[in-house]
N, C-alpha and C. Protein backbone atom coordinates (compact mmCIF):
# COMPACT_ATOMS: atom_id res chain seq x y z
N MET A 1 -11.04 10.75 10.24
CA MET A 1 -10.36 10.99 8.94
C MET A 1 -10.51 12.38 8.50
N LEU A 2 -9.61 13.04 7.68
CA LEU A 2 -9.83 14.56 7.30
C LEU A 2 -10.53 14.73 6.18
N TYR A 3 -11.85 15.71 6.57
CA TYR A 3 -12.66 15.33 5.94
C TYR A 3 -12.31 17.21 4.45
N ILE A 4 -11.13 17.42 5.01
CA ILE A 4 -10.59 18.86 4.26
C ILE A 4 -10.11 17.66 2.86
N PHE A 5 -9.55 17.20 2.84
CA PHE A 5 -9.19 16.48 1.63
C PHE A 5 -9.68 14.91 1.98
N PRO A 6 -10.87 14.46 1.76
CA PRO A 6 -11.54 13.45 1.30
C PRO A 6 -10.57 12.35 0.55
N PHE A 7 -10.05 12.60 -0.08
CA PHE A 7 -9.37 11.76 -1.25
C PHE A 7 -8.16 11.25 -0.82
N ILE A 8 -7.78 12.19 0.25
CA ILE A 8 -6.11 11.67 0.88
C ILE A 8 -5.85 10.10 1.40
N ALA A 9 -7.26 9.63 1.89
CA ALA A 9 -7.09 8.28 2.83
C ALA A 9 -6.71 7.14 1.14
N TRP A 10 -7.28 7.30 0.06
CA TRP A 10 -7.02 6.78 -0.79
C TRP A 10 -6.03 6.54 -1.94
N LEU A 11 -5.12 7.92 -1.65
CA LEU A 11 -3.56 8.31 -2.05
C LEU A 11 -2.51 6.98 -1.80
N ALA A 12 -2.48 6.50 -0.68
CA ALA A 12 -1.38 5.35 -0.75
C ALA A 12 -2.00 4.19 -1.12
N ALA A 13 -3.41 3.87 -1.16
CA ALA A 13 -3.51 2.41 -1.66
C ALA A 13 -3.65 2.50 -3.06
N ILE A 14 -3.71 3.62 -3.63
CA ILE A 14 -3.41 3.45 -5.34
C ILE A 14 -2.26 3.87 -5.74
N THR A 15 -1.46 4.50 -4.79
CA THR A 15 0.52 4.35 -5.36
C THR A 15 0.87 2.72 -5.18
N SER A 16 0.19 2.35 -4.00
CA SER A 16 0.87 1.17 -3.58
C SER A 16 0.37 -0.11 -4.87
N ALA A 17 -1.21 0.25 -5.42
CA ALA A 17 -1.52 -0.87 -6.40
C ALA A 17 -0.59 -0.55 -7.51
N VAL A 18 -0.78 0.58 -7.85
CA VAL A 18 -0.07 1.29 -9.07
C VAL A 18 1.41 0.62 -9.34
N LEU A 19 2.00 0.80 -8.28
CA LEU A 19 3.78 0.14 -8.05
C LEU A 19 3.81 -1.08 -8.03
N LEU A 20 3.03 -1.92 -7.28
CA LEU A 20 3.03 -3.36 -7.26
C LEU A 20 2.80 -3.92 -8.57
N ALA A 21 1.77 -3.60 -9.18
CA ALA A 21 1.46 -3.63 -11.28
C ALA A 21 2.52 -3.56 -11.73
N ALA A 22 2.98 -2.27 -11.84
CA ALA A 22 4.53 -1.55 -12.52
C ALA A 22 5.85 -2.57 -12.37
N LEU A 23 5.83 -2.54 -11.06
CA LEU A 23 6.93 -3.60 -10.47
C LEU A 23 6.90 -4.76 -11.20
N TRP A 24 5.65 -5.55 -11.14
CA TRP A 24 5.67 -6.60 -11.37
C TRP A 24 5.86 -6.66 -12.94
N ASN A 25 5.14 -5.65 -13.61
CA ASN A 25 5.00 -5.97 -15.14
C ASN A 25 6.71 -5.90 -15.47
N LEU A 26 7.58 -4.93 -14.72
CA LEU A 26 8.75 -5.02 -15.29
C LEU A 26 9.89 -6.21 -14.78
N GLY A 27 9.27 -6.87 -13.87
CA GLY A 27 10.15 -7.87 -13.78
C GLY A 27 10.72 -8.01 -12.19
N GLU A 28 10.45 -6.63 -11.62
CA GLU A 28 11.19 -6.44 -10.72
C GLU A 28 11.06 -7.40 -9.55
N LEU A 29 9.98 -7.88 -9.60
CA LEU A 29 9.81 -8.72 -8.51
C LEU A 29 9.45 -10.44 -8.77
N SER A 30 9.74 -11.23 -7.59
CA SER A 30 9.39 -12.82 -8.07
C SER A 30 8.00 -13.08 -7.20
N ARG A 31 7.52 -13.90 -7.92
CA ARG A 31 6.14 -14.62 -7.51
C ARG A 31 6.23 -14.48 -6.52
N ARG A 32 7.33 -15.13 -4.97
CA ARG A 32 7.13 -15.14 -3.61
C ARG A 32 7.03 -13.23 -3.17
N SER A 33 8.03 -12.64 -3.33
CA SER A 33 8.00 -11.27 -3.29
C SER A 33 6.39 -10.55 -3.40
N LEU A 34 5.99 -10.82 -4.66
CA LEU A 34 4.77 -10.67 -4.61
C LEU A 34 3.65 -10.76 -4.37
N LEU A 35 3.57 -12.05 -3.70
CA LEU A 35 2.56 -12.98 -3.14
C LEU A 35 2.71 -11.98 -1.41
N VAL A 36 4.24 -11.86 -0.71
CA VAL A 36 4.16 -11.02 0.41
C VAL A 36 3.79 -9.64 0.06
N LEU A 37 3.95 -8.86 -0.77
CA LEU A 37 3.92 -7.41 -0.97
C LEU A 37 2.44 -7.50 -1.30
N LEU A 38 1.27 -8.28 -2.21
CA LEU A 38 0.00 -8.47 -2.03
C LEU A 38 -0.73 -8.37 -0.77
N GLY A 39 -0.08 -9.72 -0.27
CA GLY A 39 -0.56 -10.21 1.13
C GLY A 39 -0.39 -8.69 2.10
N TRP A 40 0.46 -7.70 2.19
CA TRP A 40 0.14 -6.77 3.26
C TRP A 40 -0.55 -5.71 2.63
N PHE A 41 -0.77 -5.61 1.08
CA PHE A 41 -1.38 -4.54 0.60
C PHE A 41 -2.88 -4.99 1.05
N LEU A 42 -3.14 -6.16 0.47
CA LEU A 42 -4.86 -6.52 1.40
C LEU A 42 -4.78 -6.31 2.70
N LEU A 43 -4.15 -6.62 3.88
CA LEU A 43 -4.12 -6.64 4.93
C LEU A 43 -4.33 -4.87 5.57
N ALA A 44 -3.32 -4.20 4.82
CA ALA A 44 -3.53 -2.88 5.26
C ALA A 44 -4.71 -2.29 4.48
N GLY A 45 -5.38 -2.79 3.05
CA GLY A 45 -6.63 -2.15 2.70
C GLY A 45 -7.85 -2.58 4.01
N TYR A 46 -7.69 -3.62 4.42
CA TYR A 46 -8.81 -3.88 5.33
C TYR A 46 -8.90 -3.75 6.29
N CYS A 47 -7.56 -3.48 6.72
CA CYS A 47 -7.24 -2.26 7.81
C CYS A 47 -7.90 -0.71 8.24
N GLN A 48 -7.60 0.01 7.30
CA GLN A 48 -7.95 0.86 7.05
C GLN A 48 -9.28 0.98 6.29
N PHE A 49 -9.60 0.28 5.74
CA PHE A 49 -10.86 0.65 4.57
C PHE A 49 -12.25 -0.03 5.54
N LEU A 50 -11.91 -1.72 6.29
CA LEU A 50 -13.25 -2.02 6.74
C LEU A 50 -13.35 -2.14 8.15
N ALA A 51 -12.39 -1.37 8.98
CA ALA A 51 -12.11 -1.42 10.24
C ALA A 51 -13.17 -0.77 11.13
N GLY A 52 -13.68 -1.37 12.19
CA GLY A 52 -14.87 -0.99 12.85
C GLY A 52 -13.86 0.65 13.56
N SER A 53 -13.16 0.04 14.39
CA SER A 53 -12.26 1.40 15.14
C SER A 53 -11.30 2.20 14.33
N THR A 54 -11.43 3.15 15.20
CA THR A 54 -10.46 4.39 14.14
C THR A 54 -9.00 4.09 14.59
N ALA A 55 -8.60 3.20 15.51
CA ALA A 55 -7.21 2.94 15.88
C ALA A 55 -7.02 1.71 14.89
N VAL A 56 -7.55 1.24 14.65
CA VAL A 56 -7.28 -0.26 13.39
C VAL A 56 -7.29 0.55 11.85
N GLY A 57 -8.07 1.58 11.86
CA GLY A 57 -8.40 1.62 10.83
C GLY A 57 -7.25 3.25 10.35
N ALA A 58 -6.47 3.67 11.31
CA ALA A 58 -5.47 4.51 11.73
C ALA A 58 -3.80 3.53 11.31
N MET A 59 -4.28 2.46 11.97
CA MET A 59 -3.11 1.30 11.90
C MET A 59 -2.79 0.89 10.45
N GLY A 60 -4.16 0.95 9.40
CA GLY A 60 -4.01 0.37 8.29
C GLY A 60 -3.45 1.65 7.60
N LEU A 61 -3.83 2.75 7.72
CA LEU A 61 -3.18 3.64 6.84
C LEU A 61 -1.49 3.55 7.29
N LEU A 62 -1.69 3.51 8.03
CA LEU A 62 0.36 3.90 8.54
C LEU A 62 0.34 2.36 7.69
N LEU A 63 0.49 1.28 7.46
CA LEU A 63 0.72 0.11 7.36
C LEU A 63 0.64 0.22 5.65
N GLN A 64 -0.06 1.25 4.82
CA GLN A 64 -0.57 1.32 3.48
C GLN A 64 0.56 2.52 3.38
N THR A 65 0.62 3.64 3.96
CA THR A 65 1.91 4.38 3.57
C THR A 65 3.27 4.06 3.40
N ALA A 66 3.33 2.92 4.58
CA ALA A 66 4.92 2.74 4.65
C ALA A 66 4.88 1.23 3.49
N LEU A 67 3.80 0.84 3.27
CA LEU A 67 4.30 -0.07 2.10
C LEU A 67 4.46 0.58 0.60
N ALA A 68 4.18 2.23 0.60
CA ALA A 68 4.21 2.68 -0.45
C ALA A 68 5.64 3.47 -0.75
N ILE A 69 5.80 3.72 0.56
CA ILE A 69 7.36 4.25 0.57
C ILE A 69 8.20 3.25 0.28
N TYR A 70 7.85 1.61 0.61
CA TYR A 70 8.57 0.63 0.35
C TYR A 70 8.94 0.82 -1.33
N LEU A 71 7.73 0.74 -1.75
CA LEU A 71 7.44 0.18 -3.12
C LEU A 71 8.18 1.56 -3.88
N VAL A 72 8.01 2.43 -3.64
CA VAL A 72 8.06 4.33 -4.38
C VAL A 72 10.38 4.00 -3.94
N LEU A 73 10.97 3.39 -3.27
CA LEU A 73 12.25 3.47 -2.63
C LEU A 73 12.48 2.12 -3.83
N ARG A 74 11.93 0.88 -3.65
CA ARG A 74 12.35 0.01 -4.43
C ARG A 74 12.33 0.41 -6.05
N TRP A 75 11.52 1.14 -6.19
CA TRP A 75 11.22 0.96 -7.72
C TRP A 75 12.71 2.39 -8.03
N ARG A 76 13.14 3.28 -7.35
CA ARG A 76 13.78 4.12 -7.68
C ARG A 76 15.30 3.99 -7.31
N LEU A 77 15.44 2.71 -6.58
CA LEU A 77 16.90 2.62 -6.55
C LEU A 77 17.19 1.16 -7.29
N GLY A 78 16.10 0.46 -8.12
CA GLY A 78 16.47 -0.11 -8.82
C GLY A 78 16.60 -1.52 -8.48
N ARG A 79 16.41 -2.01 -6.92
CA ARG A 79 16.63 -3.25 -6.48
C ARG A 79 15.99 -4.26 -7.14
């Protein structure tokens, strides 16, 4: 992991969590889509922070970043 910015690994996870809560409170997510996105968030977080190997950790970070980008786009486009 990048030791220059140790908090950078948490940035995608925090962004995803905040946007999931915001979109749910705004009524932009149905219950089903919330469960799917929450499952994605938990799987990515498990892979990112609890993985034993570097490859699985990197895959988790990639999944978490993709989720954050998807949620930002969904919020900004107002779908």
